[in-house]
């Protein structure tokens, strides 16, 4: 096993890179049926604070003081949200085309 690097031997740029948070999601869903709010945020690639702002519209379960989000519900919510945004985009494009004198 390799010994840890001495931070004094690293350049400041290397030190910052080593200390920077990793952008990759390390949450494993094997056998899981639900995620905590922080795990769901990591899986979606957003901050926990940002995800909490959407909690009123995401199906969730309260277990005492904990909030868990069933994986199936999270996936379905994400599909529905994507479909809604696609429909809104289509409507905007149709209005834009009509405004330019064309027909959608």
C-alpha atoms as a PDB file:
ATOM      1  CA  UNK A   1       0.000   0.000   0.000  1.00  0.00           C
ATOM      2  CA  UNK A   2       1.364   3.371  -1.015  1.00  0.00           C
ATOM      3  CA  UNK A   3       1.971   5.899   1.749  1.00  0.00           C
ATOM      4  CA  UNK A   4       0.010   9.157   1.582  1.00  0.00           C
ATOM      5  CA  UNK A   5       1.684  12.060  -0.187  1.00  0.00           C
ATOM      6  CA  UNK A   6       3.297  14.730   1.917  1.00  0.00           C
ATOM      7  CA  UNK A   7       1.340  17.944   1.237  1.00  0.00           C
ATOM      8  CA  UNK A   8       4.563  19.931   1.492  1.00  0.00           C
ATOM      9  CA  UNK A   9       5.933  18.095  -1.562  1.00  0.00           C
ATOM     10  CA  UNK A  10       2.920  19.119  -3.672  1.00  0.00           C
ATOM     11  CA  UNK A  11       2.498  22.329  -5.603  1.00  0.00           C
ATOM     12  CA  UNK A  12      -0.306  24.648  -4.427  1.00  0.00           C
ATOM     13  CA  UNK A  13      -2.270  23.690  -7.548  1.00  0.00           C
ATOM     14  CA  UNK A  14      -1.986  19.973  -6.700  1.00  0.00           C
ATOM     15  CA  UNK A  15      -3.016  20.670  -3.107  1.00  0.00           C
ATOM     16  CA  UNK A  16      -6.162  22.490  -4.285  1.00  0.00           C
ATOM     17  CA  UNK A  17      -7.002  19.664  -6.690  1.00  0.00           C
ATOM     18  CA  UNK A  18      -6.641  17.096  -3.914  1.00  0.00           C
ATOM     19  CA  UNK A  19      -8.826  19.145  -1.551  1.00  0.00           C
ATOM     20  CA  UNK A  20     -11.515  19.969  -4.121  1.00  0.00           C
ATOM     21  CA  UNK A  21     -14.786  18.075  -3.767  1.00  0.00           C
ATOM     22  CA  UNK A  22     -15.234  15.317  -6.294  1.00  0.00           C
ATOM     23  CA  UNK A  23     -18.012  15.970  -8.800  1.00  0.00           C
ATOM     24  CA  UNK A  24     -18.783  12.309  -9.335  1.00  0.00           C
ATOM     25  CA  UNK A  25     -21.747  10.721  -7.596  1.00  0.00           C
ATOM     26  CA  UNK A  26     -20.718   7.799  -5.423  1.00  0.00           C
ATOM     27  CA  UNK A  27     -24.202   6.805  -4.273  1.00  0.00           C
ATOM     28  CA  UNK A  28     -24.922   3.138  -4.943  1.00  0.00           C
ATOM     29  CA  UNK A  29     -28.541   2.145  -5.492  1.00  0.00           C
ATOM     30  CA  UNK A  30     -28.013  -1.624  -5.363  1.00  0.00           C
ATOM     31  CA  UNK A  31     -30.926  -3.062  -3.438  1.00  0.00           C
ATOM     32  CA  UNK A  32     -32.078   0.368  -2.229  1.00  0.00           C
ATOM     33  CA  UNK A  33     -35.719   1.379  -2.413  1.00  0.00           C
ATOM     34  CA  UNK A  34     -35.300   4.894  -1.026  1.00  0.00           C
ATOM     35  CA  UNK A  35     -32.679   7.610  -0.578  1.00  0.00           C
ATOM     36  CA  UNK A  36     -32.072  10.269   2.015  1.00  0.00           C
ATOM     37  CA  UNK A  37     -32.385  13.864   0.844  1.00  0.00           C
ATOM     38  CA  UNK A  38     -28.593  14.233   0.674  1.00  0.00           C
ATOM     39  CA  UNK A  39     -28.244  10.994  -1.332  1.00  0.00           C
ATOM     40  CA  UNK A  40     -31.003  12.062  -3.736  1.00  0.00           C
ATOM     41  CA  UNK A  41     -29.327  15.453  -4.192  1.00  0.00           C
ATOM     42  CA  UNK A  42     -25.997  13.764  -4.951  1.00  0.00           C
ATOM     43  CA  UNK A  43     -27.691  11.407  -7.412  1.00  0.00           C
ATOM     44  CA  UNK A  44     -29.283  14.369  -9.230  1.00  0.00           C
ATOM     45  CA  UNK A  45     -26.084  16.402  -9.137  1.00  0.00           C
ATOM     46  CA  UNK A  46     -27.580  19.305  -7.185  1.00  0.00           C
ATOM     47  CA  UNK A  47     -26.995  20.670  -3.713  1.00  0.00           C
ATOM     48  CA  UNK A  48     -29.082  19.384  -0.842  1.00  0.00           C
ATOM     49  CA  UNK A  49     -30.388  22.918  -0.297  1.00  0.00           C
ATOM     50  CA  UNK A  50     -31.530  23.119  -3.931  1.00  0.00           C
ATOM     51  CA  UNK A  51     -33.274  19.744  -3.733  1.00  0.00           C
ATOM     52  CA  UNK A  52     -35.006  20.765  -0.492  1.00  0.00           C
ATOM     53  CA  UNK A  53     -36.575  23.696  -2.362  1.00  0.00           C
ATOM     54  CA  UNK A  54     -38.345  21.118  -4.570  1.00  0.00           C
ATOM     55  CA  UNK A  55     -39.400  18.771  -1.740  1.00  0.00           C
ATOM     56  CA  UNK A  56     -43.026  19.988  -1.724  1.00  0.00           C
ATOM     57  CA  UNK A  57     -43.479  18.545  -5.229  1.00  0.00           C
ATOM     58  CA  UNK A  58     -41.379  15.370  -4.802  1.00  0.00           C
ATOM     59  CA  UNK A  59     -43.156  12.333  -3.308  1.00  0.00           C
ATOM     60  CA  UNK A  60     -41.462  11.574   0.006  1.00  0.00           C
ATOM     61  CA  UNK A  61     -41.950   9.694   3.255  1.00  0.00           C
ATOM     62  CA  UNK A  62     -41.341  10.982   6.768  1.00  0.00           C
ATOM     63  CA  UNK A  63     -39.849   8.457   9.179  1.00  0.00           C
ATOM     64  CA  UNK A  64     -39.760  10.306  12.459  1.00  0.00           C
ATOM     65  CA  UNK A  65     -37.555  13.320  11.820  1.00  0.00           C
ATOM     66  CA  UNK A  66     -36.003  11.789   8.686  1.00  0.00           C
ATOM     67  CA  UNK A  67     -37.231  12.343   5.161  1.00  0.00           C
ATOM     68  CA  UNK A  68     -36.661   9.626   2.590  1.00  0.00           C
ATOM     69  CA  UNK A  69     -37.451   9.657  -1.103  1.00  0.00           C
ATOM     70  CA  UNK A  70     -38.504   6.376  -2.750  1.00  0.00           C
ATOM     71  CA  UNK A  71     -36.344   5.768  -5.835  1.00  0.00           C
ATOM     72  CA  UNK A  72     -39.330   4.937  -8.044  1.00  0.00           C
ATOM     73  CA  UNK A  73     -41.048   8.172  -6.991  1.00  0.00           C
ATOM     74  CA  UNK A  74     -37.918  10.218  -7.664  1.00  0.00           C
ATOM     75  CA  UNK A  75     -37.530   8.689 -11.120  1.00  0.00           C
ATOM     76  CA  UNK A  76     -41.201   9.274 -11.939  1.00  0.00           C
ATOM     77  CA  UNK A  77     -41.062  12.881 -10.684  1.00  0.00           C
ATOM     78  CA  UNK A  78     -38.014  13.493 -12.864  1.00  0.00           C
ATOM     79  CA  UNK A  79     -39.753  11.982 -15.932  1.00  0.00           C
ATOM     80  CA  UNK A  80     -42.871  14.089 -15.332  1.00  0.00           C
ATOM     81  CA  UNK A  81     -40.817  17.242 -14.823  1.00  0.00           C
ATOM     82  CA  UNK A  82     -38.879  16.615 -18.051  1.00  0.00           C
ATOM     83  CA  UNK A  83     -42.150  16.033 -19.948  1.00  0.00           C
ATOM     84  CA  UNK A  84     -43.627  19.255 -18.539  1.00  0.00           C
ATOM     85  CA  UNK A  85     -40.573  21.250 -19.569  1.00  0.00           C
ATOM     86  CA  UNK A  86     -40.636  19.700 -23.040  1.00  0.00           C
ATOM     87  CA  UNK A  87     -44.315  20.652 -23.424  1.00  0.00           C
ATOM     88  CA  UNK A  88     -43.583  24.200 -22.235  1.00  0.00           C
ATOM     89  CA  UNK A  89     -40.672  24.477 -24.693  1.00  0.00           C
ATOM     90  CA  UNK A  90     -42.909  23.249 -27.515  1.00  0.00           C
ATOM     91  CA  UNK A  91     -45.614  25.760 -26.607  1.00  0.00           C
ATOM     92  CA  UNK A  92     -43.079  28.609 -26.558  1.00  0.00           C
ATOM     93  CA  UNK A  93     -41.709  27.560 -29.946  1.00  0.00           C
ATOM     94  CA  UNK A  94     -45.229  27.420 -31.418  1.00  0.00           C
ATOM     95  CA  UNK A  95     -45.976  30.918 -30.075  1.00  0.00           C
ATOM     96  CA  UNK A  96     -42.713  32.227 -31.458  1.00  0.00           C
ATOM     97  CA  UNK A  97     -43.393  30.750 -34.888  1.00  0.00           C
ATOM     98  CA  UNK A  98     -46.943  32.186 -34.864  1.00  0.00           C
ATOM     99  CA  UNK A  99     -45.545  35.576 -33.847  1.00  0.00           C
ATOM    100  CA  UNK A 100     -43.177  35.485 -36.811  1.00  0.00           C
ATOM    101  CA  UNK A 101     -46.098  34.848 -39.151  1.00  0.00           C
ATOM    102  CA  UNK A 102     -45.575  31.133 -39.621  1.00  0.00           C
ATOM    103  CA  UNK A 103     -47.767  28.200 -38.734  1.00  0.00           C
ATOM    104  CA  UNK A 104     -46.648  25.599 -36.182  1.00  0.00           C
END
